[in-house]
């Protein structure tokens, strides 16, 4: 049996060390990148929380937070907190009545969110922007897309059904609105909003 030479053994050892150092370097670089991303998001989100906790916050302060969130999303789009930041950015833009940019932010949140709650709220927000812009048909499509992924017991299901019925009414689709309201009564019979929904059905000339 021929044993490997000392030169071969040293070369193999050096190779193992180099691989280990490369792995360590990659880990340190990734860790530093994650810390930079977290810092980029944390500061504007903290300012946003403080502004919402105050009795009043200026439009300028909210606009500054929105700009910083947009910058963070542009620089660190793959960060784990990016979807939450995009959701908050959409909320800020919606408050400013900048519905196009609010919708864009919420679409980013939908695409990047791991949390079903964030995805649901963002999809609902997209519908809200279309409704606010006077496009109830597009709003109804957005609400329907959000509902298609939910079950009756899920978070925000009832709110989305009500929004869908309202959008269908606004778009002149009475029959679809009646069916949506009946669906809510059928699927959520103990809802505190059932009486209001029955009243809407009566106003539309339909029974439950």
N, C-alpha and C. Protein backbone atom coordinates (compact mmCIF):
# COMPACT_ATOMS: atom_id res chain seq x y z
N UNK A 1 0.85 -1.21 0.00
CA UNK A 1 0.00 0.00 0.00
C UNK A 1 0.88 1.24 0.00
N UNK A 2 0.59 2.19 -0.86
CA UNK A 2 1.39 3.42 -0.96
C UNK A 2 0.68 4.55 -0.22
N UNK A 3 1.38 5.11 0.77
CA UNK A 3 0.81 6.22 1.52
C UNK A 3 1.02 7.53 0.76
N UNK A 4 0.07 8.46 0.85
CA UNK A 4 0.26 9.74 0.17
C UNK A 4 1.45 10.49 0.74
N UNK A 5 2.11 11.24 -0.09
CA UNK A 5 3.29 12.00 0.36
C UNK A 5 2.87 13.13 1.30
N UNK A 6 3.86 13.63 2.01
CA UNK A 6 3.61 14.74 2.93
C UNK A 6 3.09 15.95 2.18
N UNK A 7 3.63 16.16 0.95
CA UNK A 7 3.19 17.30 0.14
C UNK A 7 1.70 17.21 -0.19
N UNK A 8 1.25 15.98 -0.50
CA UNK A 8 -0.17 15.78 -0.81
C UNK A 8 -1.03 16.03 0.42
N UNK A 9 -0.56 15.53 1.57
CA UNK A 9 -1.33 15.71 2.80
C UNK A 9 -1.43 17.17 3.18
N UNK A 10 -0.29 17.89 3.04
CA UNK A 10 -0.31 19.32 3.37
C UNK A 10 -1.22 20.08 2.42
N UNK A 11 -1.14 19.69 1.12
CA UNK A 11 -2.01 20.35 0.14
C UNK A 11 -3.48 20.13 0.45
N UNK A 12 -3.83 18.90 0.85
CA UNK A 12 -5.23 18.61 1.20
C UNK A 12 -5.66 19.40 2.42
N UNK A 13 -4.77 19.48 3.40
CA UNK A 13 -5.10 20.22 4.62
C UNK A 13 -5.31 21.70 4.32
N UNK A 14 -4.42 22.24 3.47
CA UNK A 14 -4.57 23.64 3.09
C UNK A 14 -5.89 23.87 2.36
N UNK A 15 -6.24 22.91 1.49
CA UNK A 15 -7.52 23.02 0.78
C UNK A 15 -8.70 23.04 1.72
N UNK A 16 -8.68 22.18 2.74
CA UNK A 16 -9.76 22.15 3.72
C UNK A 16 -9.85 23.48 4.46
N UNK A 17 -8.70 24.02 4.83
CA UNK A 17 -8.68 25.31 5.55
C UNK A 17 -9.24 26.42 4.67
N UNK A 18 -8.85 26.42 3.39
CA UNK A 18 -9.34 27.46 2.48
C UNK A 18 -10.85 27.38 2.33
N UNK A 19 -11.36 26.16 2.16
CA UNK A 19 -12.81 25.99 2.04
C UNK A 19 -13.52 26.48 3.30
N UNK A 20 -12.94 26.14 4.47
CA UNK A 20 -13.54 26.57 5.74
C UNK A 20 -13.53 28.09 5.86
N UNK A 21 -12.40 28.71 5.44
CA UNK A 21 -12.31 30.16 5.51
C UNK A 21 -13.29 30.83 4.55
N UNK A 22 -13.42 30.24 3.35
CA UNK A 22 -14.40 30.78 2.40
C UNK A 22 -15.81 30.69 2.95
N UNK A 23 -16.12 29.54 3.59
CA UNK A 23 -17.44 29.39 4.19
C UNK A 23 -17.68 30.39 5.30
N UNK A 24 -16.64 30.58 6.15
CA UNK A 24 -16.76 31.56 7.23
C UNK A 24 -16.93 32.96 6.68
N UNK A 25 -16.16 33.28 5.63
CA UNK A 25 -16.27 34.61 5.03
C UNK A 25 -17.66 34.86 4.46
N UNK A 26 -18.20 33.84 3.79
CA UNK A 26 -19.55 33.98 3.22
C UNK A 26 -20.58 34.17 4.31
N UNK A 27 -20.42 33.42 5.42
CA UNK A 27 -21.37 33.55 6.53
C UNK A 27 -21.29 34.94 7.16
N UNK A 28 -20.04 35.43 7.36
CA UNK A 28 -19.88 36.76 7.94
C UNK A 28 -20.44 37.84 7.03
N UNK A 29 -20.23 37.66 5.71
CA UNK A 29 -20.76 38.65 4.76
C UNK A 29 -22.29 38.65 4.79
N UNK A 30 -22.88 37.45 4.81
CA UNK A 30 -24.34 37.35 4.84
C UNK A 30 -24.88 37.93 6.13
N UNK A 31 -24.18 37.66 7.24
CA UNK A 31 -24.63 38.18 8.53
C UNK A 31 -24.57 39.71 8.53
N UNK A 32 -23.49 40.27 8.00
CA UNK A 32 -23.38 41.73 7.95
C UNK A 32 -24.45 42.32 7.05
N UNK A 33 -24.73 41.64 5.92
CA UNK A 33 -25.77 42.12 5.01
C UNK A 33 -27.13 42.11 5.70
N UNK A 34 -27.43 41.05 6.44
CA UNK A 34 -28.71 40.96 7.15
C UNK A 34 -28.82 42.05 8.20
N UNK A 35 -27.71 42.33 8.89
CA UNK A 35 -27.75 43.38 9.92
C UNK A 35 -27.95 44.74 9.29
N UNK A 36 -27.33 44.99 8.15
CA UNK A 36 -27.53 46.26 7.45
C UNK A 36 -28.98 46.40 7.00
N UNK A 37 -29.55 45.32 6.50
CA UNK A 37 -30.95 45.35 6.06
C UNK A 37 -31.88 45.61 7.23
N UNK A 38 -31.63 44.92 8.34
CA UNK A 38 -32.49 45.10 9.51
C UNK A 38 -32.43 46.54 10.00
N UNK A 39 -31.23 47.12 10.00
CA UNK A 39 -31.09 48.51 10.44
C UNK A 39 -31.81 49.46 9.50
N UNK A 40 -31.73 49.19 8.19
CA UNK A 40 -32.38 50.07 7.22
C UNK A 40 -33.89 50.11 7.41
N UNK A 41 -34.48 48.99 7.80
CA UNK A 41 -35.93 48.94 8.02
C UNK A 41 -36.32 49.38 9.43
N UNK A 42 -35.49 49.05 10.41
CA UNK A 42 -35.87 49.27 11.81
C UNK A 42 -36.08 50.75 12.11
N UNK A 43 -35.21 51.59 11.59
CA UNK A 43 -35.27 53.01 11.95
C UNK A 43 -36.57 53.67 11.45
N UNK A 44 -36.92 53.55 10.17
CA UNK A 44 -38.19 54.17 9.74
C UNK A 44 -39.42 53.51 10.36
N UNK A 45 -39.38 52.20 10.60
CA UNK A 45 -40.52 51.54 11.22
C UNK A 45 -40.70 52.01 12.66
N UNK A 46 -39.58 52.25 13.37
CA UNK A 46 -39.67 52.76 14.73
C UNK A 46 -40.24 54.17 14.73
N UNK A 47 -39.84 54.99 13.77
CA UNK A 47 -40.39 56.34 13.68
C UNK A 47 -41.88 56.30 13.36
N UNK A 48 -42.28 55.35 12.52
CA UNK A 48 -43.69 55.22 12.18
C UNK A 48 -44.50 54.83 13.41
N UNK A 49 -43.99 53.90 14.20
CA UNK A 49 -44.69 53.48 15.41
C UNK A 49 -44.81 54.65 16.39
N UNK A 50 -43.75 55.44 16.51
CA UNK A 50 -43.79 56.59 17.42
C UNK A 50 -44.80 57.63 16.93
N UNK A 51 -44.84 57.83 15.62
CA UNK A 51 -45.79 58.81 15.06
C UNK A 51 -47.22 58.38 15.30
N UNK A 52 -47.49 57.09 15.16
CA UNK A 52 -48.85 56.60 15.37
C UNK A 52 -49.23 56.61 16.84
N UNK A 53 -48.24 56.53 17.70
CA UNK A 53 -48.54 56.57 19.13
C UNK A 53 -48.75 57.98 19.64
N UNK A 54 -48.33 58.97 18.87
CA UNK A 54 -48.49 60.36 19.29
C UNK A 54 -49.91 60.82 18.99
N UNK A 55 -50.31 61.90 19.67
CA UNK A 55 -51.66 62.42 19.47
C UNK A 55 -51.84 62.97 18.05
N UNK A 56 -50.75 63.41 17.45
CA UNK A 56 -50.82 63.92 16.08
C UNK A 56 -49.44 63.79 15.45
N UNK A 57 -49.42 63.51 14.18
CA UNK A 57 -48.14 63.44 13.46
C UNK A 57 -48.30 64.23 12.18
N UNK A 58 -47.24 64.89 11.79
CA UNK A 58 -47.32 65.77 10.63
C UNK A 58 -47.27 64.96 9.33
N UNK A 59 -47.89 65.47 8.30
CA UNK A 59 -47.79 64.81 6.98
C UNK A 59 -46.34 64.71 6.51
N UNK A 60 -45.54 65.72 6.88
CA UNK A 60 -44.13 65.69 6.47
C UNK A 60 -43.39 64.52 7.11
N UNK A 61 -43.70 64.26 8.39
CA UNK A 61 -43.04 63.15 9.07
C UNK A 61 -43.42 61.82 8.44
N UNK A 62 -44.70 61.66 8.11
CA UNK A 62 -45.14 60.41 7.49
C UNK A 62 -44.53 60.26 6.09
N UNK A 63 -44.42 61.37 5.37
CA UNK A 63 -43.83 61.32 4.04
C UNK A 63 -42.35 60.93 4.11
N UNK A 64 -41.66 61.42 5.15
CA UNK A 64 -40.24 61.07 5.31
C UNK A 64 -40.08 59.59 5.61
N UNK A 65 -40.97 59.05 6.45
CA UNK A 65 -40.93 57.62 6.74
C UNK A 65 -41.18 56.81 5.47
N UNK A 66 -42.15 57.24 4.67
CA UNK A 66 -42.46 56.54 3.42
C UNK A 66 -41.26 56.53 2.49
N UNK A 67 -40.57 57.66 2.38
CA UNK A 67 -39.38 57.72 1.52
C UNK A 67 -38.30 56.75 2.01
N UNK A 68 -38.11 56.70 3.33
CA UNK A 68 -37.07 55.82 3.87
C UNK A 68 -37.45 54.35 3.70
N UNK A 69 -38.73 54.03 3.81
CA UNK A 69 -39.15 52.65 3.58
C UNK A 69 -38.96 52.27 2.11
N UNK A 70 -39.27 53.19 1.21
CA UNK A 70 -39.05 52.92 -0.21
C UNK A 70 -37.56 52.68 -0.50
N UNK A 71 -36.71 53.48 0.15
CA UNK A 71 -35.27 53.30 -0.05
C UNK A 71 -34.80 51.95 0.48
N UNK A 72 -35.31 51.56 1.64
CA UNK A 72 -34.94 50.26 2.22
C UNK A 72 -35.39 49.11 1.33
N UNK A 73 -36.60 49.22 0.78
CA UNK A 73 -37.11 48.17 -0.10
C UNK A 73 -36.30 48.09 -1.38
N UNK A 74 -35.83 49.23 -1.87
CA UNK A 74 -35.02 49.23 -3.09
C UNK A 74 -33.64 48.61 -2.83
N UNK A 75 -33.07 48.86 -1.65
CA UNK A 75 -31.73 48.38 -1.34
C UNK A 75 -31.72 46.95 -0.81
N UNK A 76 -32.77 46.57 -0.09
CA UNK A 76 -32.80 45.26 0.55
C UNK A 76 -34.14 44.57 0.29
N UNK A 77 -34.45 44.28 -0.96
CA UNK A 77 -35.78 43.72 -1.28
C UNK A 77 -36.01 42.31 -0.77
N UNK A 78 -34.93 41.57 -0.46
CA UNK A 78 -35.08 40.18 -0.04
C UNK A 78 -35.05 40.00 1.47
N UNK A 79 -34.97 41.08 2.23
CA UNK A 79 -34.94 40.98 3.69
C UNK A 79 -36.23 40.36 4.21
N UNK A 80 -36.13 39.65 5.32
CA UNK A 80 -37.30 38.97 5.86
C UNK A 80 -38.40 39.94 6.27
N UNK A 81 -38.03 41.17 6.59
CA UNK A 81 -39.02 42.15 7.04
C UNK A 81 -39.55 42.99 5.88
N UNK A 82 -39.12 42.70 4.66
CA UNK A 82 -39.51 43.54 3.52
C UNK A 82 -41.02 43.55 3.31
N UNK A 83 -41.68 42.40 3.46
CA UNK A 83 -43.13 42.35 3.21
C UNK A 83 -43.88 43.22 4.22
N UNK A 84 -43.49 43.14 5.50
CA UNK A 84 -44.15 43.97 6.51
C UNK A 84 -43.93 45.45 6.23
N UNK A 85 -42.70 45.79 5.82
CA UNK A 85 -42.41 47.18 5.49
C UNK A 85 -43.23 47.64 4.30
N UNK A 86 -43.39 46.79 3.29
CA UNK A 86 -44.20 47.14 2.12
C UNK A 86 -45.66 47.33 2.50
N UNK A 87 -46.14 46.52 3.43
CA UNK A 87 -47.52 46.68 3.91
C UNK A 87 -47.69 48.04 4.57
N UNK A 88 -46.74 48.41 5.43
CA UNK A 88 -46.83 49.71 6.11
C UNK A 88 -46.68 50.86 5.11
N UNK A 89 -45.82 50.68 4.12
CA UNK A 89 -45.66 51.72 3.10
C UNK A 89 -46.97 51.91 2.34
N UNK A 90 -47.64 50.81 2.02
CA UNK A 90 -48.93 50.93 1.37
C UNK A 90 -49.94 51.69 2.22
N UNK A 91 -49.93 51.42 3.52
CA UNK A 91 -50.84 52.15 4.42
C UNK A 91 -50.55 53.65 4.39
N UNK A 92 -49.26 54.00 4.41
CA UNK A 92 -48.90 55.42 4.39
C UNK A 92 -49.33 56.08 3.09
N UNK A 93 -49.07 55.41 1.98
CA UNK A 93 -49.45 55.99 0.69
C UNK A 93 -50.97 56.10 0.56
N UNK A 94 -51.68 55.14 1.13
CA UNK A 94 -53.15 55.20 1.08
C UNK A 94 -53.65 56.40 1.89
N UNK A 95 -53.04 56.64 3.06
CA UNK A 95 -53.42 57.79 3.87
C UNK A 95 -53.19 59.09 3.11
N UNK A 96 -52.16 59.10 2.25
CA UNK A 96 -51.87 60.29 1.44
C UNK A 96 -52.76 60.37 0.20
N UNK A 97 -53.62 59.36 0.00
CA UNK A 97 -54.47 59.24 -1.19
C UNK A 97 -53.65 59.07 -2.45
N UNK A 98 -52.46 58.55 -2.29
CA UNK A 98 -51.61 58.21 -3.43
C UNK A 98 -51.88 56.74 -3.75
N UNK A 99 -53.01 56.49 -4.39
CA UNK A 99 -53.50 55.12 -4.51
C UNK A 99 -52.65 54.25 -5.45
N UNK A 100 -52.05 54.86 -6.44
CA UNK A 100 -51.22 54.08 -7.35
C UNK A 100 -50.00 53.53 -6.62
N UNK A 101 -49.32 54.38 -5.86
CA UNK A 101 -48.14 53.91 -5.14
C UNK A 101 -48.51 53.01 -3.96
N UNK A 102 -49.68 53.25 -3.36
CA UNK A 102 -50.15 52.35 -2.30
C UNK A 102 -50.36 50.95 -2.87
N UNK A 103 -50.99 50.88 -4.03
CA UNK A 103 -51.24 49.58 -4.66
C UNK A 103 -49.93 48.89 -5.00
N UNK A 104 -48.96 49.64 -5.52
CA UNK A 104 -47.67 49.06 -5.86
C UNK A 104 -46.99 48.47 -4.63
N UNK A 105 -47.06 49.20 -3.51
CA UNK A 105 -46.44 48.70 -2.28
C UNK A 105 -47.14 47.44 -1.80
N UNK A 106 -48.46 47.43 -1.85
CA UNK A 106 -49.19 46.24 -1.39
C UNK A 106 -48.96 45.05 -2.30
N UNK A 107 -48.76 45.29 -3.58
CA UNK A 107 -48.44 44.18 -4.48
C UNK A 107 -47.08 43.58 -4.16
N UNK A 108 -46.14 44.42 -3.74
CA UNK A 108 -44.84 43.91 -3.27
C UNK A 108 -45.03 43.06 -2.02
N UNK A 109 -45.87 43.53 -1.11
CA UNK A 109 -46.13 42.77 0.12
C UNK A 109 -46.73 41.40 -0.20
N UNK A 110 -47.66 41.36 -1.14
CA UNK A 110 -48.27 40.08 -1.53
C UNK A 110 -47.21 39.14 -2.09
N UNK A 111 -46.33 39.67 -2.92
CA UNK A 111 -45.32 38.83 -3.58
C UNK A 111 -44.28 38.30 -2.61
N UNK A 112 -43.98 39.04 -1.55
CA UNK A 112 -42.86 38.68 -0.69
C UNK A 112 -43.26 38.11 0.66
N UNK A 113 -44.54 38.20 1.02
CA UNK A 113 -44.94 37.83 2.38
C UNK A 113 -44.94 36.33 2.58
N UNK A 114 -44.39 35.92 3.71
CA UNK A 114 -44.53 34.54 4.16
C UNK A 114 -45.75 34.40 5.06
N UNK A 115 -46.16 35.50 5.66
CA UNK A 115 -47.30 35.50 6.57
C UNK A 115 -48.61 35.60 5.81
N UNK A 116 -49.55 34.67 6.02
CA UNK A 116 -50.84 34.78 5.35
C UNK A 116 -51.62 36.02 5.77
N UNK A 117 -51.41 36.48 7.00
CA UNK A 117 -52.09 37.70 7.45
C UNK A 117 -51.64 38.91 6.64
N UNK A 118 -50.34 39.03 6.44
CA UNK A 118 -49.81 40.15 5.65
C UNK A 118 -50.33 40.07 4.22
N UNK A 119 -50.34 38.87 3.63
CA UNK A 119 -50.84 38.73 2.26
C UNK A 119 -52.31 39.11 2.17
N UNK A 120 -53.11 38.68 3.15
CA UNK A 120 -54.54 39.00 3.12
C UNK A 120 -54.77 40.50 3.22
N UNK A 121 -54.09 41.15 4.16
CA UNK A 121 -54.26 42.59 4.34
C UNK A 121 -53.80 43.35 3.09
N UNK A 122 -52.71 42.90 2.49
CA UNK A 122 -52.22 43.57 1.29
C UNK A 122 -53.19 43.41 0.13
N UNK A 123 -53.73 42.20 -0.05
CA UNK A 123 -54.70 41.98 -1.13
C UNK A 123 -55.96 42.82 -0.91
N UNK A 124 -56.40 42.91 0.34
CA UNK A 124 -57.55 43.75 0.64
C UNK A 124 -57.24 45.21 0.32
N UNK A 125 -56.02 45.63 0.65
CA UNK A 125 -55.61 47.00 0.35
C UNK A 125 -55.64 47.30 -1.13
N UNK A 126 -55.21 46.35 -1.94
CA UNK A 126 -55.26 46.55 -3.40
C UNK A 126 -56.70 46.82 -3.84
N UNK A 127 -57.64 46.04 -3.31
CA UNK A 127 -59.04 46.28 -3.63
C UNK A 127 -59.51 47.66 -3.17
N UNK A 128 -59.06 48.06 -1.98
CA UNK A 128 -59.44 49.38 -1.46
C UNK A 128 -58.97 50.50 -2.38
N UNK A 129 -57.77 50.36 -2.94
CA UNK A 129 -57.27 51.43 -3.82
C UNK A 129 -58.13 51.54 -5.08
N UNK A 130 -58.52 50.40 -5.66
CA UNK A 130 -59.37 50.46 -6.85
C UNK A 130 -60.72 51.08 -6.51
N UNK A 131 -61.25 50.74 -5.34
CA UNK A 131 -62.54 51.31 -4.94
C UNK A 131 -62.42 52.81 -4.73
N UNK A 132 -61.33 53.24 -4.08
CA UNK A 132 -61.13 54.67 -3.83
C UNK A 132 -60.95 55.45 -5.12
N UNK A 133 -60.41 54.79 -6.15
CA UNK A 133 -60.22 55.46 -7.44
C UNK A 133 -61.47 55.42 -8.31
N UNK A 134 -62.54 54.82 -7.80
CA UNK A 134 -63.78 54.78 -8.56
C UNK A 134 -63.85 53.66 -9.57
N UNK A 135 -63.17 52.55 -9.28
CA UNK A 135 -63.21 51.39 -10.16
C UNK A 135 -63.73 50.18 -9.38
N UNK A 136 -65.04 50.16 -9.06
CA UNK A 136 -65.57 49.08 -8.22
C UNK A 136 -65.46 47.71 -8.86
N UNK A 137 -65.48 47.64 -10.19
CA UNK A 137 -65.34 46.34 -10.85
C UNK A 137 -63.97 45.73 -10.57
N UNK A 138 -62.91 46.54 -10.69
CA UNK A 138 -61.57 46.06 -10.40
C UNK A 138 -61.41 45.75 -8.91
N UNK A 139 -62.08 46.57 -8.07
CA UNK A 139 -62.03 46.31 -6.63
C UNK A 139 -62.65 44.95 -6.33
N UNK A 140 -63.79 44.67 -6.96
CA UNK A 140 -64.46 43.38 -6.74
C UNK A 140 -63.55 42.22 -7.15
N UNK A 141 -62.84 42.38 -8.26
CA UNK A 141 -61.92 41.33 -8.70
C UNK A 141 -60.82 41.10 -7.66
N UNK A 142 -60.29 42.18 -7.09
CA UNK A 142 -59.24 42.05 -6.08
C UNK A 142 -59.76 41.37 -4.82
N UNK A 143 -60.96 41.76 -4.38
CA UNK A 143 -61.53 41.14 -3.18
C UNK A 143 -61.82 39.65 -3.43
N UNK A 144 -62.30 39.33 -4.61
CA UNK A 144 -62.57 37.93 -4.94
C UNK A 144 -61.29 37.11 -4.95
N UNK A 145 -60.22 37.69 -5.47
CA UNK A 145 -58.93 36.99 -5.49
C UNK A 145 -58.44 36.72 -4.07
N UNK A 146 -58.66 37.67 -3.18
CA UNK A 146 -58.25 37.47 -1.79
C UNK A 146 -59.11 36.40 -1.11
N UNK A 147 -60.41 36.44 -1.35
CA UNK A 147 -61.32 35.47 -0.74
C UNK A 147 -61.07 34.05 -1.23
N UNK A 148 -60.61 33.91 -2.46
CA UNK A 148 -60.40 32.57 -3.03
C UNK A 148 -59.38 31.77 -2.24
N UNK A 149 -58.53 32.45 -1.47
CA UNK A 149 -57.49 31.77 -0.72
C UNK A 149 -57.84 31.60 0.75
N UNK A 150 -59.05 31.98 1.14
CA UNK A 150 -59.45 31.93 2.54
C UNK A 150 -60.62 30.98 2.76
N UNK A 151 -60.79 30.59 4.03
CA UNK A 151 -61.94 29.81 4.46
C UNK A 151 -62.79 30.70 5.37
N UNK A 152 -64.06 30.33 5.59
CA UNK A 152 -64.94 31.19 6.39
C UNK A 152 -64.42 31.54 7.78
N UNK A 153 -63.63 30.67 8.38
CA UNK A 153 -63.13 30.95 9.73
C UNK A 153 -61.84 31.77 9.73
N UNK A 154 -61.29 32.05 8.56
CA UNK A 154 -60.00 32.73 8.50
C UNK A 154 -60.11 34.22 8.81
N UNK A 155 -58.97 34.77 9.20
CA UNK A 155 -58.84 36.19 9.48
C UNK A 155 -59.25 37.02 8.27
N UNK A 156 -60.06 38.02 8.49
CA UNK A 156 -60.48 39.03 7.52
C UNK A 156 -61.46 38.51 6.47
N UNK A 157 -61.92 37.29 6.63
CA UNK A 157 -62.85 36.73 5.64
C UNK A 157 -64.14 37.55 5.58
N UNK A 158 -64.69 37.84 6.74
CA UNK A 158 -65.96 38.58 6.79
C UNK A 158 -65.82 39.98 6.21
N UNK A 159 -64.72 40.66 6.56
CA UNK A 159 -64.50 42.01 6.05
C UNK A 159 -64.38 42.02 4.53
N UNK A 160 -63.72 40.99 3.99
CA UNK A 160 -63.58 40.91 2.54
C UNK A 160 -64.92 40.63 1.86
N UNK A 161 -65.76 39.79 2.48
CA UNK A 161 -67.08 39.55 1.90
C UNK A 161 -67.90 40.83 1.86
N UNK A 162 -67.88 41.59 2.94
CA UNK A 162 -68.61 42.85 2.97
C UNK A 162 -68.08 43.81 1.91
N UNK A 163 -66.74 43.88 1.79
CA UNK A 163 -66.15 44.75 0.79
C UNK A 163 -66.54 44.31 -0.62
N UNK A 164 -66.55 43.00 -0.84
CA UNK A 164 -66.94 42.49 -2.15
C UNK A 164 -68.38 42.85 -2.48
N UNK A 165 -69.29 42.64 -1.52
CA UNK A 165 -70.68 42.99 -1.75
C UNK A 165 -70.86 44.46 -2.05
N UNK A 166 -70.15 45.30 -1.30
CA UNK A 166 -70.23 46.75 -1.54
C UNK A 166 -69.73 47.09 -2.94
N UNK A 167 -68.59 46.52 -3.35
CA UNK A 167 -68.04 46.81 -4.67
C UNK A 167 -68.98 46.33 -5.77
N UNK A 168 -69.60 45.19 -5.55
CA UNK A 168 -70.55 44.67 -6.54
C UNK A 168 -71.77 45.59 -6.66
N UNK A 169 -72.24 46.10 -5.53
CA UNK A 169 -73.34 47.07 -5.57
C UNK A 169 -72.94 48.31 -6.35
N UNK A 170 -71.75 48.84 -6.04
CA UNK A 170 -71.29 50.07 -6.68
C UNK A 170 -71.10 49.89 -8.18
N UNK A 171 -70.77 48.68 -8.59
CA UNK A 171 -70.57 48.44 -10.02
C UNK A 171 -71.88 48.09 -10.73
N UNK A 172 -72.99 48.11 -9.98
CA UNK A 172 -74.30 47.84 -10.58
C UNK A 172 -74.62 46.38 -10.73
N UNK A 173 -73.85 45.52 -10.10
CA UNK A 173 -74.08 44.07 -10.21
C UNK A 173 -74.91 43.61 -9.02
N UNK A 174 -76.20 43.94 -9.06
CA UNK A 174 -77.08 43.66 -7.92
C UNK A 174 -77.14 42.17 -7.58
N UNK A 175 -77.31 41.33 -8.57
CA UNK A 175 -77.48 39.90 -8.30
C UNK A 175 -76.25 39.31 -7.61
N UNK A 176 -75.07 39.73 -8.06
CA UNK A 176 -73.84 39.24 -7.44
C UNK A 176 -73.74 39.73 -6.01
N UNK A 177 -74.13 40.99 -5.76
CA UNK A 177 -74.08 41.53 -4.40
C UNK A 177 -75.04 40.77 -3.49
N UNK A 178 -76.23 40.48 -3.97
CA UNK A 178 -77.20 39.71 -3.18
C UNK A 178 -76.63 38.35 -2.81
N UNK A 179 -76.02 37.68 -3.77
CA UNK A 179 -75.44 36.36 -3.49
C UNK A 179 -74.30 36.45 -2.49
N UNK A 180 -73.51 37.51 -2.58
CA UNK A 180 -72.39 37.69 -1.64
C UNK A 180 -72.92 37.91 -0.22
N UNK A 181 -73.95 38.76 -0.08
CA UNK A 181 -74.51 39.00 1.24
C UNK A 181 -75.18 37.75 1.80
N UNK A 182 -75.87 37.02 0.94
CA UNK A 182 -76.47 35.75 1.39
C UNK A 182 -75.39 34.76 1.83
N UNK A 183 -74.29 34.78 1.14
CA UNK A 183 -73.17 33.90 1.50
C UNK A 183 -72.66 34.24 2.90
N UNK A 184 -72.59 35.53 3.20
CA UNK A 184 -72.12 35.92 4.54
C UNK A 184 -73.09 35.45 5.61
N UNK A 185 -74.38 35.65 5.36
CA UNK A 185 -75.39 35.21 6.34
C UNK A 185 -75.33 33.70 6.52
N UNK A 186 -75.11 32.98 5.42
CA UNK A 186 -75.08 31.53 5.46
C UNK A 186 -73.82 31.01 6.16
N UNK A 187 -72.68 31.61 5.87
CA UNK A 187 -71.42 31.09 6.37
C UNK A 187 -71.03 31.67 7.73
N UNK A 188 -71.55 32.85 8.05
CA UNK A 188 -71.24 33.46 9.35
C UNK A 188 -72.54 33.87 10.05
N UNK A 189 -73.41 32.90 10.38
CA UNK A 189 -74.73 33.23 10.93
C UNK A 189 -74.68 33.95 12.27
N UNK A 190 -73.61 33.80 13.03
CA UNK A 190 -73.50 34.43 14.34
C UNK A 190 -72.73 35.75 14.30
N UNK A 191 -72.46 36.23 13.13
CA UNK A 191 -71.71 37.48 13.01
C UNK A 191 -72.51 38.64 13.57
N UNK A 192 -71.87 39.56 14.29
CA UNK A 192 -72.58 40.75 14.77
C UNK A 192 -73.04 41.66 13.63
N UNK A 193 -72.58 41.41 12.42
CA UNK A 193 -72.96 42.23 11.28
C UNK A 193 -74.13 41.62 10.50
N UNK A 194 -74.62 40.49 10.95
CA UNK A 194 -75.68 39.82 10.21
C UNK A 194 -76.90 40.70 10.03
N UNK A 195 -77.30 41.43 11.07
CA UNK A 195 -78.48 42.30 10.96
C UNK A 195 -78.26 43.39 9.90
N UNK A 196 -77.06 43.95 9.86
CA UNK A 196 -76.77 44.98 8.85
C UNK A 196 -76.82 44.38 7.45
N UNK A 197 -76.32 43.16 7.31
CA UNK A 197 -76.34 42.51 6.01
C UNK A 197 -77.77 42.20 5.57
N UNK A 198 -78.59 41.75 6.52
CA UNK A 198 -80.00 41.51 6.20
C UNK A 198 -80.68 42.80 5.75
N UNK A 199 -80.30 43.90 6.39
CA UNK A 199 -80.86 45.20 6.00
C UNK A 199 -80.44 45.57 4.58
N UNK A 200 -79.19 45.27 4.23
CA UNK A 200 -78.74 45.53 2.86
C UNK A 200 -79.52 44.68 1.87
N UNK A 201 -79.75 43.42 2.23
CA UNK A 201 -80.52 42.54 1.35
C UNK A 201 -81.94 43.07 1.15
N UNK A 202 -82.53 43.56 2.24
CA UNK A 202 -83.88 44.10 2.14
C UNK A 202 -83.89 45.34 1.23
N UNK A 203 -82.84 46.18 1.38
CA UNK A 203 -82.77 47.37 0.55
C UNK A 203 -82.61 47.03 -0.92
N UNK A 204 -82.02 45.88 -1.19
CA UNK A 204 -81.84 45.42 -2.57
C UNK A 204 -83.05 44.63 -3.08
N UNK A 205 -84.08 44.53 -2.21
CA UNK A 205 -85.27 43.82 -2.60
C UNK A 205 -85.14 42.32 -2.59
N UNK A 206 -84.27 41.81 -1.70
CA UNK A 206 -84.01 40.37 -1.63
C UNK A 206 -84.09 39.92 -0.19
N UNK A 207 -84.46 38.68 0.00
CA UNK A 207 -84.46 38.09 1.33
C UNK A 207 -83.20 37.33 1.59
N UNK A 208 -82.98 36.92 2.84
CA UNK A 208 -81.77 36.17 3.18
C UNK A 208 -81.76 34.78 2.59
